[in-house]
C-alpha cells in the first residue's frame, strides 16, 4: 500500500468536508482536525472552491493529508493536485478517472459496492477502495461478504458512519479507515464550532485506538 493510503489507514477516520466559504473556514477547520488527532480531510467537489479549500488547509497545516472527494471529471483531479491534494475519491467506479489518477501518480479510492466494481478495481491493481454509500448498500455485512471472494482489498466505508457505529466498523480487519461527516457537519462549520469539531475527532480516535491499540 502506498504511503498516503497507509497513513490514512493508521489514522482510521477520514472527515468528509463540504465547504461553502473556504476563505473563512478552511484554515481553522484544518487546525481543528489536527488538534483532534485526525490530520486528514476529504474535501468534496460538491461545493465550488474545493481546490481552494485544499490549498488553504495545506498552507495552514502542512502535516494535514488533504484530498478531493466527489470527483467526477479529470479536470477536478488536475485542480486538486495543483492545490496540493494528495488523494482522490470518486462516488463510483470510473475507469477513465482511475487510469488518469494513476498516471498522475496520485492514490485514488473509487466507490465500489458490487462484485462488478470489485472486479474492475482488481484489474487496475487497486488495494484500497471506497464502499459508498456504506449503510445504504448493505453495511458491514455486505463488506464482509464481499471480502470473501476479494480478500486483497482494504475498504473505506463512507455513508452512515457515526460515533455510534464506528467501533463496529473499525473492528472489522477488512476496514482500513471510515469516512464520515458527523464531526464536520454543515452546522458545526457554519457556526465555527472548531473546539467541538476537535473534540469529536478526539472521541473518534479514542474509539479507534481502543480497538486497534495505541499506535
Protein backbone atom coordinates (compact mmCIF):
# COMPACT_ATOMS: atom_id res chain seq x y z
CA UNK A 1 0.00 0.00 0.00
CA UNK A 2 1.31 3.49 -0.86
CA UNK A 3 2.41 5.90 1.87
CA UNK A 4 -0.69 8.10 1.75
CA UNK A 5 -3.05 5.13 1.94
CA UNK A 6 -1.02 3.69 4.78
CA UNK A 7 -1.12 6.97 6.70
CA UNK A 8 -4.88 7.22 6.23
CA UNK A 9 -5.29 3.65 7.45
CA UNK A 10 -3.29 4.43 10.58
CA UNK A 11 -5.50 7.43 11.38
CA UNK A 12 -8.59 5.30 10.79
CA UNK A 13 -11.13 8.05 10.14
CA UNK A 14 -11.46 10.49 7.24
CA UNK A 15 -13.63 13.61 7.71
CA UNK A 16 -15.68 14.25 4.59
CA UNK A 17 -15.95 18.00 4.24
CA UNK A 18 -18.14 20.34 2.20
CA UNK A 19 -17.01 23.96 2.50
CA UNK A 20 -19.11 26.80 1.15
CA UNK A 21 -16.76 29.53 2.41
CA UNK A 22 -13.16 28.26 2.09
CA UNK A 23 -11.61 31.67 2.74
CA UNK A 24 -13.24 31.83 6.16
CA UNK A 25 -13.35 28.20 7.22
CA UNK A 26 -10.59 26.13 5.56
CA UNK A 27 -7.65 27.14 7.77
CA UNK A 28 -9.40 26.96 11.17
CA UNK A 29 -11.07 23.69 10.20
CA UNK A 30 -7.74 22.16 9.23
CA UNK A 31 -6.30 23.24 12.57
CA UNK A 32 -9.28 21.76 14.44
CA UNK A 33 -8.85 18.40 12.70
CA UNK A 34 -5.15 18.30 13.54
CA UNK A 35 -5.82 19.37 17.13
CA UNK A 36 -8.24 16.46 17.43
CA UNK A 37 -5.68 13.96 16.19
CA UNK A 38 -7.26 13.48 12.77
CA UNK A 39 -4.87 15.18 10.32
CA UNK A 40 -6.72 14.14 7.17
CA UNK A 41 -9.55 15.67 5.13
CA UNK A 42 -11.57 14.66 2.09
CA UNK A 43 -12.79 17.95 0.63
CA UNK A 44 -15.70 17.31 -1.70
CA UNK A 45 -16.15 18.97 -5.05
CA UNK A 46 -19.90 19.17 -4.33
CA UNK A 47 -19.15 22.77 -3.35
CA UNK A 48 -17.35 25.27 -5.56
CA UNK A 49 -13.85 26.17 -4.48
CA UNK A 50 -12.87 22.73 -3.18
CA UNK A 51 -9.40 23.14 -4.68
CA UNK A 52 -9.03 26.48 -2.90
CA UNK A 53 -10.09 24.84 0.36
CA UNK A 54 -7.44 22.13 -0.09
CA UNK A 55 -4.75 24.74 -0.73
CA UNK A 56 -5.72 26.85 2.28
CA UNK A 57 -5.89 23.83 4.58
CA UNK A 58 -2.47 22.65 3.48
CA UNK A 59 -1.00 26.13 3.94
CA UNK A 60 -2.38 26.33 7.47
CA UNK A 61 -1.49 22.73 8.37
CA UNK A 62 1.30 21.25 6.24
CA UNK A 63 1.03 17.98 8.17
CA UNK A 64 -2.59 17.52 7.08
CA UNK A 65 -3.27 14.87 4.43
CA UNK A 66 -5.72 16.64 2.14
CA UNK A 67 -7.62 15.01 -0.69
CA UNK A 68 -10.51 15.64 -3.04
CA UNK A 69 -13.87 13.89 -2.83
CA UNK A 70 -16.89 13.60 -5.12
CA UNK A 71 -14.52 13.81 -8.09
CA UNK A 72 -16.37 13.15 -11.34
CA UNK A 73 -14.16 14.63 -14.10
CA UNK A 74 -10.43 14.68 -14.85
CA UNK A 75 -10.31 18.46 -14.55
CA UNK A 76 -11.08 18.14 -10.85
CA UNK A 77 -8.16 15.75 -10.43
CA UNK A 78 -5.87 18.34 -12.02
CA UNK A 79 -7.27 21.11 -9.84
CA UNK A 80 -6.88 19.03 -6.68
CA UNK A 81 -3.28 18.05 -7.45
CA UNK A 82 -2.35 21.64 -8.30
CA UNK A 83 -3.78 22.75 -4.96
CA UNK A 84 -1.70 20.19 -3.08
CA UNK A 85 -4.26 17.39 -2.93
CA UNK A 86 -2.75 14.01 -2.04
CA UNK A 87 -5.57 11.59 -2.83
CA UNK A 88 -8.72 11.36 -4.95
CA UNK A 89 -12.09 9.86 -4.02
CA UNK A 90 -14.86 9.17 -6.54
CA UNK A 91 -18.51 8.28 -5.82
CA UNK A 92 -18.46 5.30 -8.20
CA UNK A 93 -16.01 3.33 -10.32
CA UNK A 94 -14.99 5.30 -13.43
CA UNK A 95 -12.14 3.59 -15.34
CA UNK A 96 -11.14 6.84 -17.02
CA UNK A 97 -10.70 8.64 -13.70
CA UNK A 98 -8.84 5.73 -12.11
CA UNK A 99 -6.41 5.50 -15.02
CA UNK A 100 -5.96 9.28 -15.10
CA UNK A 101 -5.15 9.47 -11.40
CA UNK A 102 -2.77 6.54 -11.59
CA UNK A 103 -0.94 8.18 -14.49
CA UNK A 104 -0.65 11.32 -12.36
CA UNK A 105 0.80 9.28 -9.50
CA UNK A 106 -1.95 10.14 -7.00
CA UNK A 107 -3.86 7.49 -4.99
CA UNK A 108 -7.49 7.12 -5.97
CA UNK A 109 -10.25 5.43 -3.97
CA UNK A 110 -13.28 4.78 -6.20
CA UNK A 111 -16.69 3.97 -4.83
CA UNK A 112 -17.31 0.21 -5.10
CA UNK A 113 -20.30 -1.73 -3.77
CA UNK A 114 -20.83 -4.61 -6.20
CA UNK A 115 -18.82 -7.63 -7.40
CA UNK A 116 -18.56 -5.91 -10.79
CA UNK A 117 -17.00 -2.84 -9.14
CA UNK A 118 -14.55 -5.02 -7.23
CA UNK A 119 -13.57 -6.87 -10.43
CA UNK A 120 -12.87 -3.55 -12.12
CA UNK A 121 -10.78 -2.35 -9.18
CA UNK A 122 -8.82 -5.59 -9.29
CA UNK A 123 -7.91 -5.02 -12.94
CA UNK A 124 -6.44 -1.62 -12.05
CA UNK A 125 -4.36 -3.06 -9.22
CA UNK A 126 -6.11 -1.05 -6.52
CA UNK A 127 -5.61 -2.03 -2.89
CA UNK A 128 -7.87 0.44 -1.06
CA UNK A 129 -11.39 1.17 -2.26
CA UNK A 130 -14.27 3.26 -1.00
CA UNK A 131 -17.52 1.49 -0.11
CA UNK A 132 -20.25 4.07 -0.71
CA UNK A 133 -22.92 4.61 0.44
CA UNK A 134 -21.98 2.15 3.15
CA UNK A 135 -25.06 1.76 5.34
CA UNK A 136 -27.49 2.10 2.46
CA UNK A 137 -25.61 -0.52 0.42
CA UNK A 138 -25.68 -3.27 3.00
CA UNK A 139 -23.24 -2.03 5.61
CA UNK A 140 -20.70 -4.17 7.36
CA UNK A 141 -22.49 -7.40 6.49
CA UNK A 142 -22.08 -6.80 2.78
CA UNK A 143 -18.48 -5.59 3.18
CA UNK A 144 -17.61 -8.86 4.95
CA UNK A 145 -19.41 -10.91 2.31
CA UNK A 146 -17.58 -9.10 -0.49
CA UNK A 147 -14.22 -9.68 1.16
CA UNK A 148 -14.60 -13.46 0.80
CA UNK A 149 -14.01 -13.53 -2.99
CA UNK A 150 -11.91 -10.35 -2.89
CA UNK A 151 -9.58 -10.66 0.13
CA UNK A 152 -6.93 -8.43 -1.45
CA UNK A 153 -8.89 -5.23 -0.84
CA UNK A 154 -8.93 -2.96 2.17
CA UNK A 155 -12.12 -0.92 2.35
CA UNK A 156 -13.03 2.63 3.38
CA UNK A 157 -16.78 2.68 4.08
CA UNK A 158 -18.44 6.09 3.86
CA UNK A 159 -22.10 6.97 4.32
CA UNK A 160 -23.99 6.49 7.55
CA UNK A 161 -20.90 6.26 9.75
CA UNK A 162 -21.19 7.87 13.18
CA UNK A 163 -19.74 7.64 16.67
CA UNK A 164 -22.43 5.05 17.39
CA UNK A 165 -21.27 2.50 14.80
CA UNK A 166 -17.62 3.49 14.31
CA UNK A 167 -16.39 0.83 16.74
CA UNK A 168 -18.33 -1.90 14.94
CA UNK A 169 -16.93 -0.92 11.56
CA UNK A 170 -13.33 -0.32 12.61
CA UNK A 171 -13.25 -3.68 14.43
CA UNK A 172 -13.50 -5.46 11.08
CA UNK A 173 -10.00 -6.30 9.76
CA UNK A 174 -11.10 -5.54 6.19
CA UNK A 175 -11.70 -1.88 7.11
CA UNK A 176 -8.71 0.42 6.59
CA UNK A 177 -10.50 3.60 7.66
CA UNK A 178 -14.02 5.01 7.80
CA UNK A 179 -15.19 8.16 6.09
CA UNK A 180 -17.62 10.38 7.93
CA UNK A 181 -19.13 13.84 8.10
CA UNK A 182 -20.53 13.66 11.63
CA UNK A 183 -17.59 15.63 13.05
CA UNK A 184 -17.73 18.26 10.27
CA UNK A 185 -21.45 18.85 9.76
CA UNK A 186 -22.64 21.92 7.89
CA UNK A 187 -23.98 23.37 11.16
CA UNK A 188 -20.72 22.90 13.06
CA UNK A 189 -18.77 24.57 10.27
CA UNK A 190 -21.28 27.38 9.70
CA UNK A 191 -21.27 28.20 13.42
CA UNK A 192 -17.46 27.88 13.54
CA UNK A 193 -17.55 25.44 16.44
CA UNK A 194 -13.92 24.41 15.98
CA UNK A 195 -13.44 23.16 19.54
CA UNK A 196 -16.43 20.85 19.17
CA UNK A 197 -15.10 19.52 15.87
CA UNK A 198 -11.74 18.83 17.50
CA UNK A 199 -13.48 17.04 20.38
CA UNK A 200 -15.48 14.81 18.02
CA UNK A 201 -12.22 13.95 16.27
CA UNK A 202 -10.64 13.07 19.61
CA UNK A 203 -13.58 10.85 20.51
CA UNK A 204 -13.27 9.10 17.14
CA UNK A 205 -9.57 8.48 17.62
CA UNK A 206 -10.16 7.11 21.12
CA UNK A 207 -12.60 4.57 19.71
CA UNK A 208 -10.11 3.56 17.01
CA UNK A 209 -7.22 3.30 19.46
CA UNK A 210 -9.30 1.18 21.82
CA UNK A 211 -9.95 -1.27 19.02
CA UNK A 212 -6.56 -1.28 17.31
CA UNK A 213 -4.19 -0.48 20.12
CA UNK A 214 -2.33 2.71 20.96
CA UNK A 215 -0.37 3.23 17.73
